[in-house]
Amino acid sequence: PTTSSRMDVYAPELIRCGLRGMIGKGKRTSEVVEAMKESG
C-alpha cells in the first residue's frame, strides 16, 4: 500500500459516487471520514 493521504483531496467525491472501500496506509482527513460516514 501507498500513503492514503495523497488521495484525500479526491476521495470524498468518489465516495459520494459509490466507492465503498479503500485500502491503504496512514491517517485520513476529516473530510474523507465525513464522506465515509455519510455514505457508509
PDB file of all heavy atoms in Angstrom:
ATOM      1  N   PRO A   1       0.813  -1.219   0.000  1.00  0.00           N
ATOM      2  CA  PRO A   1       0.000   0.000   0.000  1.00  0.00           C
ATOM      3  C   PRO A   1       0.846   1.269   0.000  1.00  0.00           C
ATOM      4  O   PRO A   1       1.968   1.285   0.499  1.00  0.00           O
ATOM      5  CB  PRO A   1      -0.786  -0.106   1.307  1.00  0.00           C
ATOM      6  CG  PRO A   1       0.143  -0.856   2.219  1.00  0.00           C
ATOM      7  CD  PRO A   1       0.817  -1.873   1.310  1.00  0.00           C
ATOM      8  N   THR A   2       0.272   2.323  -0.578  1.00  0.00           N
ATOM      9  CA  THR A   2       0.906   3.629  -0.527  1.00  0.00           C
ATOM     10  C   THR A   2       0.146   4.499   0.470  1.00  0.00           C
ATOM     11  O   THR A   2      -0.946   4.153   0.911  1.00  0.00           O
ATOM     12  CB  THR A   2       0.977   4.277  -1.927  1.00  0.00           C
ATOM     13  OG1 THR A   2       1.887   5.363  -1.886  1.00  0.00           O
ATOM     14  CG2 THR A   2      -0.376   4.741  -2.407  1.00  0.00           C
ATOM     15  N   THR A   3       0.718   5.621   0.811  1.00  0.00           N
ATOM     16  CA  THR A   3       0.126   6.532   1.785  1.00  0.00           C
ATOM     17  C   THR A   3      -1.183   7.105   1.251  1.00  0.00           C
ATOM     18  O   THR A   3      -1.228   7.728   0.190  1.00  0.00           O
ATOM     19  CB  THR A   3       1.115   7.664   2.115  1.00  0.00           C
ATOM     20  OG1 THR A   3       2.325   7.053   2.594  1.00  0.00           O
ATOM     21  CG2 THR A   3       0.564   8.588   3.168  1.00  0.00           C
ATOM     22  N   SER A   4      -2.243   6.897   1.998  1.00  0.00           N
ATOM     23  CA  SER A   4      -3.592   7.244   1.558  1.00  0.00           C
ATOM     24  C   SER A   4      -3.864   8.740   1.495  1.00  0.00           C
ATOM     25  O   SER A   4      -4.713   9.178   0.716  1.00  0.00           O
ATOM     26  CB  SER A   4      -4.610   6.589   2.490  1.00  0.00           C
ATOM     27  OG  SER A   4      -4.426   5.201   2.493  1.00  0.00           O
ATOM     28  N   SER A   5      -3.180   9.524   2.287  1.00  0.00           N
ATOM     29  CA  SER A   5      -3.480  10.963   2.353  1.00  0.00           C
ATOM     30  C   SER A   5      -3.321  11.651   0.997  1.00  0.00           C
ATOM     31  O   SER A   5      -3.940  12.683   0.755  1.00  0.00           O
ATOM     32  CB  SER A   5      -2.615  11.656   3.412  1.00  0.00           C
ATOM     33  OG  SER A   5      -1.245  11.534   3.082  1.00  0.00           O
ATOM     34  N   ARG A   6      -2.540  11.062   0.102  1.00  0.00           N
ATOM     35  CA  ARG A   6      -2.369  11.664  -1.228  1.00  0.00           C
ATOM     36  C   ARG A   6      -3.660  11.629  -2.043  1.00  0.00           C
ATOM     37  O   ARG A   6      -3.843  12.404  -2.972  1.00  0.00           O
ATOM     38  CB  ARG A   6      -1.244  10.959  -1.983  1.00  0.00           C
ATOM     39  CG  ARG A   6       0.084  11.117  -1.267  1.00  0.00           C
ATOM     40  CD  ARG A   6       1.300  10.831  -2.104  1.00  0.00           C
ATOM     41  NE  ARG A   6       1.147   9.837  -3.120  1.00  0.00           N
ATOM     42  CZ  ARG A   6       1.828   8.702  -3.170  1.00  0.00           C
ATOM     43  NH1 ARG A   6       2.690   8.406  -2.231  1.00  0.00           N
ATOM     44  NH2 ARG A   6       1.674   7.881  -4.164  1.00  0.00           N
ATOM     45  N   MET A   7      -4.576  10.757  -1.684  1.00  0.00           N
ATOM     46  CA  MET A   7      -5.850  10.648  -2.403  1.00  0.00           C
ATOM     47  C   MET A   7      -6.965  11.442  -1.714  1.00  0.00           C
ATOM     48  O   MET A   7      -8.081  11.539  -2.221  1.00  0.00           O
ATOM     49  CB  MET A   7      -6.284   9.177  -2.509  1.00  0.00           C
ATOM     50  CG  MET A   7      -5.658   8.388  -3.654  1.00  0.00           C
ATOM     51  SD  MET A   7      -3.867   8.382  -3.794  1.00  0.00           S
ATOM     52  CE  MET A   7      -3.361   7.306  -2.492  1.00  0.00           C
ATOM     53  N   ASP A   8      -6.682  12.017  -0.557  1.00  0.00           N
ATOM     54  CA  ASP A   8      -7.732  12.633   0.257  1.00  0.00           C
ATOM     55  C   ASP A   8      -8.431  13.807  -0.412  1.00  0.00           C
ATOM     56  O   ASP A   8      -9.609  14.055  -0.152  1.00  0.00           O
ATOM     57  CB  ASP A   8      -7.191  13.048   1.621  1.00  0.00           C
ATOM     58  CG  ASP A   8      -7.029  11.867   2.560  1.00  0.00           C
ATOM     59  OD1 ASP A   8      -7.325  10.723   2.158  1.00  0.00           O
ATOM     60  OD2 ASP A   8      -6.597  12.088   3.705  1.00  0.00           O
ATOM     61  N   VAL A   9      -7.768  14.538  -1.268  1.00  0.00           N
ATOM     62  CA  VAL A   9      -8.412  15.656  -1.954  1.00  0.00           C
ATOM     63  C   VAL A   9      -9.486  15.159  -2.933  1.00  0.00           C
ATOM     64  O   VAL A   9     -10.459  15.860  -3.210  1.00  0.00           O
ATOM     65  CB  VAL A   9      -7.366  16.564  -2.655  1.00  0.00           C
ATOM     66  CG1 VAL A   9      -6.714  15.862  -3.831  1.00  0.00           C
ATOM     67  CG2 VAL A   9      -7.979  17.877  -3.078  1.00  0.00           C
ATOM     68  N   TYR A  10      -9.359  13.942  -3.422  1.00  0.00           N
ATOM     69  CA  TYR A  10     -10.279  13.375  -4.409  1.00  0.00           C
ATOM     70  C   TYR A  10     -11.283  12.381  -3.805  1.00  0.00           C
ATOM     71  O   TYR A  10     -12.363  12.186  -4.362  1.00  0.00           O
ATOM     72  CB  TYR A  10      -9.502  12.642  -5.508  1.00  0.00           C
ATOM     73  CG  TYR A  10      -8.395  13.462  -6.107  1.00  0.00           C
ATOM     74  CD1 TYR A  10      -7.056  13.149  -5.872  1.00  0.00           C
ATOM     75  CD2 TYR A  10      -8.674  14.562  -6.915  1.00  0.00           C
ATOM     76  CE1 TYR A  10      -6.033  13.913  -6.423  1.00  0.00           C
ATOM     77  CE2 TYR A  10      -7.653  15.323  -7.467  1.00  0.00           C
ATOM     78  CZ  TYR A  10      -6.338  14.993  -7.211  1.00  0.00           C
ATOM     79  OH  TYR A  10      -5.327  15.749  -7.756  1.00  0.00           O
ATOM     80  N   ALA A  11     -10.903  11.739  -2.723  1.00  0.00           N
ATOM     81  CA  ALA A  11     -11.694  10.626  -2.186  1.00  0.00           C
ATOM     82  C   ALA A  11     -13.141  10.979  -1.846  1.00  0.00           C
ATOM     83  O   ALA A  11     -14.043  10.187  -2.159  1.00  0.00           O
ATOM     84  CB  ALA A  11     -10.987  10.008  -0.981  1.00  0.00           C
ATOM     85  N   PRO A  12     -13.434  12.127  -1.207  1.00  0.00           N
ATOM     86  CA  PRO A  12     -14.844  12.385  -0.854  1.00  0.00           C
ATOM     87  C   PRO A  12     -15.789  12.343  -2.050  1.00  0.00           C
ATOM     88  O   PRO A  12     -16.887  11.777  -1.962  1.00  0.00           O
ATOM     89  CB  PRO A  12     -14.799  13.781  -0.209  1.00  0.00           C
ATOM     90  CG  PRO A  12     -13.428  13.850   0.392  1.00  0.00           C
ATOM     91  CD  PRO A  12     -12.558  13.153  -0.626  1.00  0.00           C
ATOM     92  N   GLU A  13     -15.377  12.890  -3.179  1.00  0.00           N
ATOM     93  CA  GLU A  13     -16.244  12.883  -4.355  1.00  0.00           C
ATOM     94  C   GLU A  13     -16.463  11.458  -4.867  1.00  0.00           C
ATOM     95  O   GLU A  13     -17.572  11.096  -5.267  1.00  0.00           O
ATOM     96  CB  GLU A  13     -15.667  13.771  -5.462  1.00  0.00           C
ATOM     97  CG  GLU A  13     -16.657  14.031  -6.557  1.00  0.00           C
ATOM     98  CD  GLU A  13     -16.308  15.237  -7.417  1.00  0.00           C
ATOM     99  OE1 GLU A  13     -15.383  15.998  -7.088  1.00  0.00           O
ATOM    100  OE2 GLU A  13     -16.982  15.397  -8.439  1.00  0.00           O
ATOM    101  N   LEU A  14     -15.428  10.639  -4.834  1.00  0.00           N
ATOM    102  CA  LEU A  14     -15.566   9.252  -5.291  1.00  0.00           C
ATOM    103  C   LEU A  14     -16.421   8.440  -4.323  1.00  0.00           C
ATOM    104  O   LEU A  14     -17.212   7.595  -4.749  1.00  0.00           O
ATOM    105  CB  LEU A  14     -14.193   8.617  -5.479  1.00  0.00           C
ATOM    106  CG  LEU A  14     -13.305   9.269  -6.541  1.00  0.00           C
ATOM    107  CD1 LEU A  14     -11.972   8.553  -6.634  1.00  0.00           C
ATOM    108  CD2 LEU A  14     -13.996   9.312  -7.891  1.00  0.00           C
ATOM    109  N   ILE A  15     -16.285   8.714  -3.030  1.00  0.00           N
ATOM    110  CA  ILE A  15     -17.111   8.027  -2.034  1.00  0.00           C
ATOM    111  C   ILE A  15     -18.581   8.358  -2.274  1.00  0.00           C
ATOM    112  O   ILE A  15     -19.444   7.479  -2.241  1.00  0.00           O
ATOM    113  CB  ILE A  15     -16.665   8.410  -0.607  1.00  0.00           C
ATOM    114  CG1 ILE A  15     -15.275   7.837  -0.314  1.00  0.00           C
ATOM    115  CG2 ILE A  15     -17.683   7.929   0.431  1.00  0.00           C
ATOM    116  CD1 ILE A  15     -14.606   8.407   0.926  1.00  0.00           C
ATOM    117  N   ARG A  16     -18.870   9.609  -2.551  1.00  0.00           N
ATOM    118  CA  ARG A  16     -20.262  10.008  -2.812  1.00  0.00           C
ATOM    119  C   ARG A  16     -20.794   9.376  -4.107  1.00  0.00           C
ATOM    120  O   ARG A  16     -22.008   9.282  -4.297  1.00  0.00           O
ATOM    121  CB  ARG A  16     -20.374  11.528  -2.845  1.00  0.00           C
ATOM    122  CG  ARG A  16     -20.288  12.144  -1.449  1.00  0.00           C
ATOM    123  CD  ARG A  16     -20.630  13.613  -1.433  1.00  0.00           C
ATOM    124  NE  ARG A  16     -19.523  14.482  -1.779  1.00  0.00           N
ATOM    125  CZ  ARG A  16     -18.563  14.868  -0.946  1.00  0.00           C
ATOM    126  NH1 ARG A  16     -18.563  14.457   0.299  1.00  0.00           N
ATOM    127  NH2 ARG A  16     -17.607  15.673  -1.345  1.00  0.00           N
ATOM    128  N   CYS A  17     -19.900   8.912  -4.977  1.00  0.00           N
ATOM    129  CA  CYS A  17     -20.308   8.230  -6.222  1.00  0.00           C
ATOM    130  C   CYS A  17     -20.442   6.721  -6.040  1.00  0.00           C
ATOM    131  O   CYS A  17     -20.663   6.006  -7.016  1.00  0.00           O
ATOM    132  CB  CYS A  17     -19.300   8.511  -7.331  1.00  0.00           C
ATOM    133  SG  CYS A  17     -19.418  10.174  -7.962  1.00  0.00           S
ATOM    134  N   GLY A  18     -20.267   6.240  -4.829  1.00  0.00           N
ATOM    135  CA  GLY A  18     -20.478   4.819  -4.569  1.00  0.00           C
ATOM    136  C   GLY A  18     -19.259   4.033  -4.143  1.00  0.00           C
ATOM    137  O   GLY A  18     -19.386   2.859  -3.787  1.00  0.00           O
ATOM    138  N   LEU A  19     -18.070   4.640  -4.181  1.00  0.00           N
ATOM    139  CA  LEU A  19     -16.876   3.939  -3.695  1.00  0.00           C
ATOM    140  C   LEU A  19     -17.123   3.538  -2.253  1.00  0.00           C
ATOM    141  O   LEU A  19     -17.420   4.379  -1.409  1.00  0.00           O
ATOM    142  CB  LEU A  19     -15.648   4.855  -3.794  1.00  0.00           C
ATOM    143  CG  LEU A  19     -14.337   4.289  -3.239  1.00  0.00           C
ATOM    144  CD1 LEU A  19     -13.902   3.057  -4.022  1.00  0.00           C
ATOM    145  CD2 LEU A  19     -13.251   5.363  -3.273  1.00  0.00           C
ATOM    146  N   ARG A  20     -17.042   2.249  -1.951  1.00  0.00           N
ATOM    147  CA  ARG A  20     -17.394   1.788  -0.623  1.00  0.00           C
ATOM    148  C   ARG A  20     -16.203   1.357   0.216  1.00  0.00           C
ATOM    149  O   ARG A  20     -16.298   1.254   1.425  1.00  0.00           O
ATOM    150  CB  ARG A  20     -18.397   0.647  -0.722  1.00  0.00           C
ATOM    151  CG  ARG A  20     -19.015   0.360   0.616  1.00  0.00           C
ATOM    152  CD  ARG A  20     -20.435  -0.126   0.642  1.00  0.00           C
ATOM    153  NE  ARG A  20     -21.346   0.734  -0.071  1.00  0.00           N
ATOM    154  CZ  ARG A  20     -21.999   0.371  -1.182  1.00  0.00           C
ATOM    155  NH1 ARG A  20     -21.830  -0.817  -1.711  1.00  0.00           N
ATOM    156  NH2 ARG A  20     -22.834   1.191  -1.773  1.00  0.00           N
ATOM    157  N   GLY A  21     -15.062   1.112  -0.426  1.00  0.00           N
ATOM    158  CA  GLY A  21     -13.903   0.684   0.349  1.00  0.00           C
ATOM    159  C   GLY A  21     -12.617   1.203  -0.241  1.00  0.00           C
ATOM    160  O   GLY A  21     -12.496   1.353  -1.462  1.00  0.00           O
ATOM    161  N   MET A  22     -11.687   1.506   0.640  1.00  0.00           N
ATOM    162  CA  MET A  22     -10.354   1.954   0.240  1.00  0.00           C
ATOM    163  C   MET A  22      -9.349   1.167   1.061  1.00  0.00           C
ATOM    164  O   MET A  22      -9.584   0.914   2.242  1.00  0.00           O
ATOM    165  CB  MET A  22     -10.188   3.453   0.512  1.00  0.00           C
ATOM    166  CG  MET A  22     -11.193   4.314  -0.256  1.00  0.00           C
ATOM    167  SD  MET A  22     -11.530   5.894   0.567  1.00  0.00           S
ATOM    168  CE  MET A  22     -12.618   5.369   1.893  1.00  0.00           C
ATOM    169  N   ILE A  23      -8.242   0.791   0.425  1.00  0.00           N
ATOM    170  CA  ILE A  23      -7.174   0.069   1.115  1.00  0.00           C
ATOM    171  C   ILE A  23      -5.908   0.899   0.976  1.00  0.00           C
ATOM    172  O   ILE A  23      -5.516   1.262  -0.140  1.00  0.00           O
ATOM    173  CB  ILE A  23      -6.918  -1.325   0.504  1.00  0.00           C
ATOM    174  CG1 ILE A  23      -8.205  -2.149   0.450  1.00  0.00           C
ATOM    175  CG2 ILE A  23      -5.826  -2.054   1.288  1.00  0.00           C
ATOM    176  CD1 ILE A  23      -8.076  -3.437  -0.362  1.00  0.00           C
ATOM    177  N   GLY A  24      -5.250   1.176   2.085  1.00  0.00           N
ATOM    178  CA  GLY A  24      -4.012   1.941   2.053  1.00  0.00           C
ATOM    179  C   GLY A  24      -3.314   1.875   3.387  1.00  0.00           C
ATOM    180  O   GLY A  24      -3.433   0.893   4.122  1.00  0.00           O
ATOM    181  N   LYS A  25      -2.612   2.961   3.684  1.00  0.00           N
ATOM    182  CA  LYS A  25      -1.965   3.069   4.992  1.00  0.00           C
ATOM    183  C   LYS A  25      -1.935   4.546   5.376  1.00  0.00           C
ATOM    184  O   LYS A  25      -1.904   5.426   4.519  1.00  0.00           O
ATOM    185  CB  LYS A  25      -0.556   2.473   4.972  1.00  0.00           C
ATOM    186  CG  LYS A  25       0.420   3.189   4.066  1.00  0.00           C
ATOM    187  CD  LYS A  25       1.793   2.557   4.113  1.00  0.00           C
ATOM    188  CE  LYS A  25       2.744   3.350   3.212  1.00  0.00           C
ATOM    189  NZ  LYS A  25       4.085   2.798   3.227  1.00  0.00           N
ATOM    190  N   GLY A  26      -1.979   4.792   6.654  1.00  0.00           N
ATOM    191  CA  GLY A  26      -1.912   6.150   7.167  1.00  0.00           C
ATOM    192  C   GLY A  26      -3.276   6.753   7.447  1.00  0.00           C
ATOM    193  O   GLY A  26      -4.312   6.218   7.078  1.00  0.00           O
ATOM    194  N   LYS A  27      -3.241   7.886   8.122  1.00  0.00           N
ATOM    195  CA  LYS A  27      -4.453   8.590   8.547  1.00  0.00           C
ATOM    196  C   LYS A  27      -5.173   9.228   7.365  1.00  0.00           C
ATOM    197  O   LYS A  27      -4.588   9.441   6.315  1.00  0.00           O
ATOM    198  CB  LYS A  27      -4.097   9.663   9.569  1.00  0.00           C
ATOM    199  CG  LYS A  27      -3.555   9.095  10.863  1.00  0.00           C
ATOM    200  CD  LYS A  27      -3.252  10.197  11.858  1.00  0.00           C
ATOM    201  CE  LYS A  27      -2.719   9.618  13.144  1.00  0.00           C
ATOM    202  NZ  LYS A  27      -2.482  10.661  14.141  1.00  0.00           N
ATOM    203  N   ARG A  28      -6.447   9.551   7.582  1.00  0.00           N
ATOM    204  CA  ARG A  28      -7.284  10.213   6.589  1.00  0.00           C
ATOM    205  C   ARG A  28      -7.764  11.552   7.157  1.00  0.00           C
ATOM    206  O   ARG A  28      -7.859  11.732   8.366  1.00  0.00           O
ATOM    207  CB  ARG A  28      -8.514   9.369   6.233  1.00  0.00           C
ATOM    208  CG  ARG A  28      -8.236   7.934   5.774  1.00  0.00           C
ATOM    209  CD  ARG A  28      -7.226   7.805   4.643  1.00  0.00           C
ATOM    210  NE  ARG A  28      -7.610   8.413   3.401  1.00  0.00           N
ATOM    211  CZ  ARG A  28      -8.227   7.805   2.408  1.00  0.00           C
ATOM    212  NH1 ARG A  28      -8.568   6.541   2.520  1.00  0.00           N
ATOM    213  NH2 ARG A  28      -8.504   8.442   1.284  1.00  0.00           N
ATOM    214  N   THR A  29      -8.115  12.476   6.258  1.00  0.00           N
ATOM    215  CA  THR A  29      -8.584  13.783   6.691  1.00  0.00           C
ATOM    216  C   THR A  29     -10.021  13.694   7.211  1.00  0.00           C
ATOM    217  O   THR A  29     -10.743  12.737   6.917  1.00  0.00           O
ATOM    218  CB  THR A  29      -8.559  14.809   5.539  1.00  0.00           C
ATOM    219  OG1 THR A  29      -9.473  14.357   4.522  1.00  0.00           O
ATOM    220  CG2 THR A  29      -7.163  14.978   4.970  1.00  0.00           C
ATOM    221  N   SER A  30     -10.429  14.713   7.939  1.00  0.00           N
ATOM    222  CA  SER A  30     -11.793  14.748   8.463  1.00  0.00           C
ATOM    223  C   SER A  30     -12.811  14.791   7.327  1.00  0.00           C
ATOM    224  O   SER A  30     -13.912  14.234   7.450  1.00  0.00           O
ATOM    225  CB  SER A  30     -11.980  15.937   9.409  1.00  0.00           C
ATOM    226  OG  SER A  30     -11.722  17.151   8.744  1.00  0.00           O
ATOM    227  N   GLU A  31     -12.466  15.400   6.187  1.00  0.00           N
ATOM    228  CA  GLU A  31     -13.374  15.438   5.037  1.00  0.00           C
ATOM    229  C   GLU A  31     -13.631  14.036   4.491  1.00  0.00           C
ATOM    230  O   GLU A  31     -14.767  13.708   4.113  1.00  0.00           O
ATOM    231  CB  GLU A  31     -12.810  16.335   3.923  1.00  0.00           C
ATOM    232  CG  GLU A  31     -12.755  17.806   4.269  1.00  0.00           C
ATOM    233  CD  GLU A  31     -11.528  18.210   5.097  1.00  0.00           C
ATOM    234  OE1 GLU A  31     -10.608  17.389   5.274  1.00  0.00           O
ATOM    235  OE2 GLU A  31     -11.512  19.353   5.573  1.00  0.00           O
ATOM    236  N   VAL A  32     -12.607  13.219   4.442  1.00  0.00           N
ATOM    237  CA  VAL A  32     -12.775  11.836   3.969  1.00  0.00           C
ATOM    238  C   VAL A  32     -13.629  11.064   4.962  1.00  0.00           C
ATOM    239  O   VAL A  32     -14.562  10.350   4.578  1.00  0.00           O
ATOM    240  CB  VAL A  32     -11.408  11.145   3.757  1.00  0.00           C
ATOM    241  CG1 VAL A  32     -11.589   9.662   3.459  1.00  0.00           C
ATOM    242  CG2 VAL A  32     -10.633  11.823   2.639  1.00  0.00           C
ATOM    243  N   VAL A  33     -13.351  11.208   6.247  1.00  0.00           N
ATOM    244  CA  VAL A  33     -14.111  10.478   7.269  1.00  0.00           C
ATOM    245  C   VAL A  33     -15.582  10.884   7.233  1.00  0.00           C
ATOM    246  O   VAL A  33     -16.474  10.034   7.328  1.00  0.00           O
ATOM    247  CB  VAL A  33     -13.493  10.679   8.670  1.00  0.00           C
ATOM    248  CG1 VAL A  33     -14.349  10.008   9.744  1.00  0.00           C
ATOM    249  CG2 VAL A  33     -12.061  10.126   8.710  1.00  0.00           C
ATOM    250  N   GLU A  34     -15.863  12.168   7.066  1.00  0.00           N
ATOM    251  CA  GLU A  34     -17.255  12.626   6.992  1.00  0.00           C
ATOM    252  C   GLU A  34     -17.963  12.026   5.772  1.00  0.00           C
ATOM    253  O   GLU A  34     -19.111  11.596   5.869  1.00  0.00           O
ATOM    254  CB  GLU A  34     -17.330  14.153   6.963  1.00  0.00           C
ATOM    255  CG  GLU A  34     -17.103  14.789   8.313  1.00  0.00           C
ATOM    256  CD  GLU A  34     -18.027  14.245   9.401  1.00  0.00           C
ATOM    257  OE1 GLU A  34     -19.265  14.181   9.188  1.00  0.00           O
ATOM    258  OE2 GLU A  34     -17.515  13.867  10.468  1.00  0.00           O
ATOM    259  N   ALA A  35     -17.294  11.997   4.632  1.00  0.00           N
ATOM    260  CA  ALA A  35     -17.879  11.382   3.433  1.00  0.00           C
ATOM    261  C   ALA A  35     -18.127   9.894   3.663  1.00  0.00           C
ATOM    262  O   ALA A  35     -19.159   9.354   3.229  1.00  0.00           O
ATOM    263  CB  ALA A  35     -16.980  11.599   2.220  1.00  0.00           C
ATOM    264  N   MET A  36     -17.224   9.235   4.370  1.00  0.00           N
ATOM    265  CA  MET A  36     -17.394   7.817   4.682  1.00  0.00           C
ATOM    266  C   MET A  36     -18.626   7.611   5.557  1.00  0.00           C
ATOM    267  O   MET A  36     -19.418   6.700   5.312  1.00  0.00           O
ATOM    268  CB  MET A  36     -16.146   7.273   5.389  1.00  0.00           C
ATOM    269  CG  MET A  36     -14.924   7.171   4.505  1.00  0.00           C
ATOM    270  SD  MET A  36     -13.437   6.730   5.440  1.00  0.00           S
ATOM    271  CE  MET A  36     -13.913   5.148   6.120  1.00  0.00           C
ATOM    272  N   LYS A  37     -18.784   8.428   6.570  1.00  0.00           N
ATOM    273  CA  LYS A  37     -19.939   8.313   7.466  1.00  0.00           C
ATOM    274  C   LYS A  37     -21.242   8.562   6.708  1.00  0.00           C
ATOM    275  O   LYS A  37     -22.226   7.846   6.914  1.00  0.00           O
ATOM    276  CB  LYS A  37     -19.797   9.290   8.638  1.00  0.00           C
ATOM    277  CG  LYS A  37     -18.726   8.858   9.626  1.00  0.00           C
ATOM    278  CD  LYS A  37     -18.321   9.900  10.635  1.00  0.00           C
ATOM    279  CE  LYS A  37     -19.366  10.710  11.278  1.00  0.00           C
ATOM    280  NZ  LYS A  37     -18.845  11.662  12.277  1.00  0.00           N
ATOM    281  N   GLU A  38     -21.266   9.549   5.837  1.00  0.00           N
ATOM    282  CA  GLU A  38     -22.470   9.867   5.053  1.00  0.00           C
ATOM    283  C   GLU A  38     -22.852   8.722   4.119  1.00  0.00           C
ATOM    284  O   GLU A  38     -24.036   8.470   3.887  1.00  0.00           O
ATOM    285  CB  GLU A  38     -22.244  11.124   4.214  1.00  0.00           C
ATOM    286  CG  GLU A  38     -22.129  12.406   5.005  1.00  0.00           C
ATOM    287  CD  GLU A  38     -21.612  13.573   4.168  1.00  0.00           C
ATOM    288  OE1 GLU A  38     -21.520  13.453   2.924  1.00  0.00           O
ATOM    289  OE2 GLU A  38     -21.270  14.604   4.777  1.00  0.00           O
ATOM    290  N   SER A  39     -21.851   8.040   3.564  1.00  0.00           N
ATOM    291  CA  SER A  39     -22.090   7.029   2.534  1.00  0.00           C
ATOM    292  C   SER A  39     -21.926   5.587   2.998  1.00  0.00           C
ATOM    293  O   SER A  39     -22.183   4.665   2.222  1.00  0.00           O
ATOM    294  CB  SER A  39     -21.148   7.277   1.349  1.00  0.00           C
ATOM    295  OG  SER A  39     -21.368   8.562   0.821  1.00  0.00           O
ATOM    296  N   GLY A  40     -21.443   5.385   4.220  1.00  0.00           N
ATOM    297  CA  GLY A  40     -21.245   4.025   4.713  1.00  0.00           C
ATOM    298  C   GLY A  40     -20.034   3.333   4.116  1.00  0.00           C
ATOM    299  O   GLY A  40     -20.074   2.136   3.838  1.00  0.00           O
TER     300      GLY A  40
END
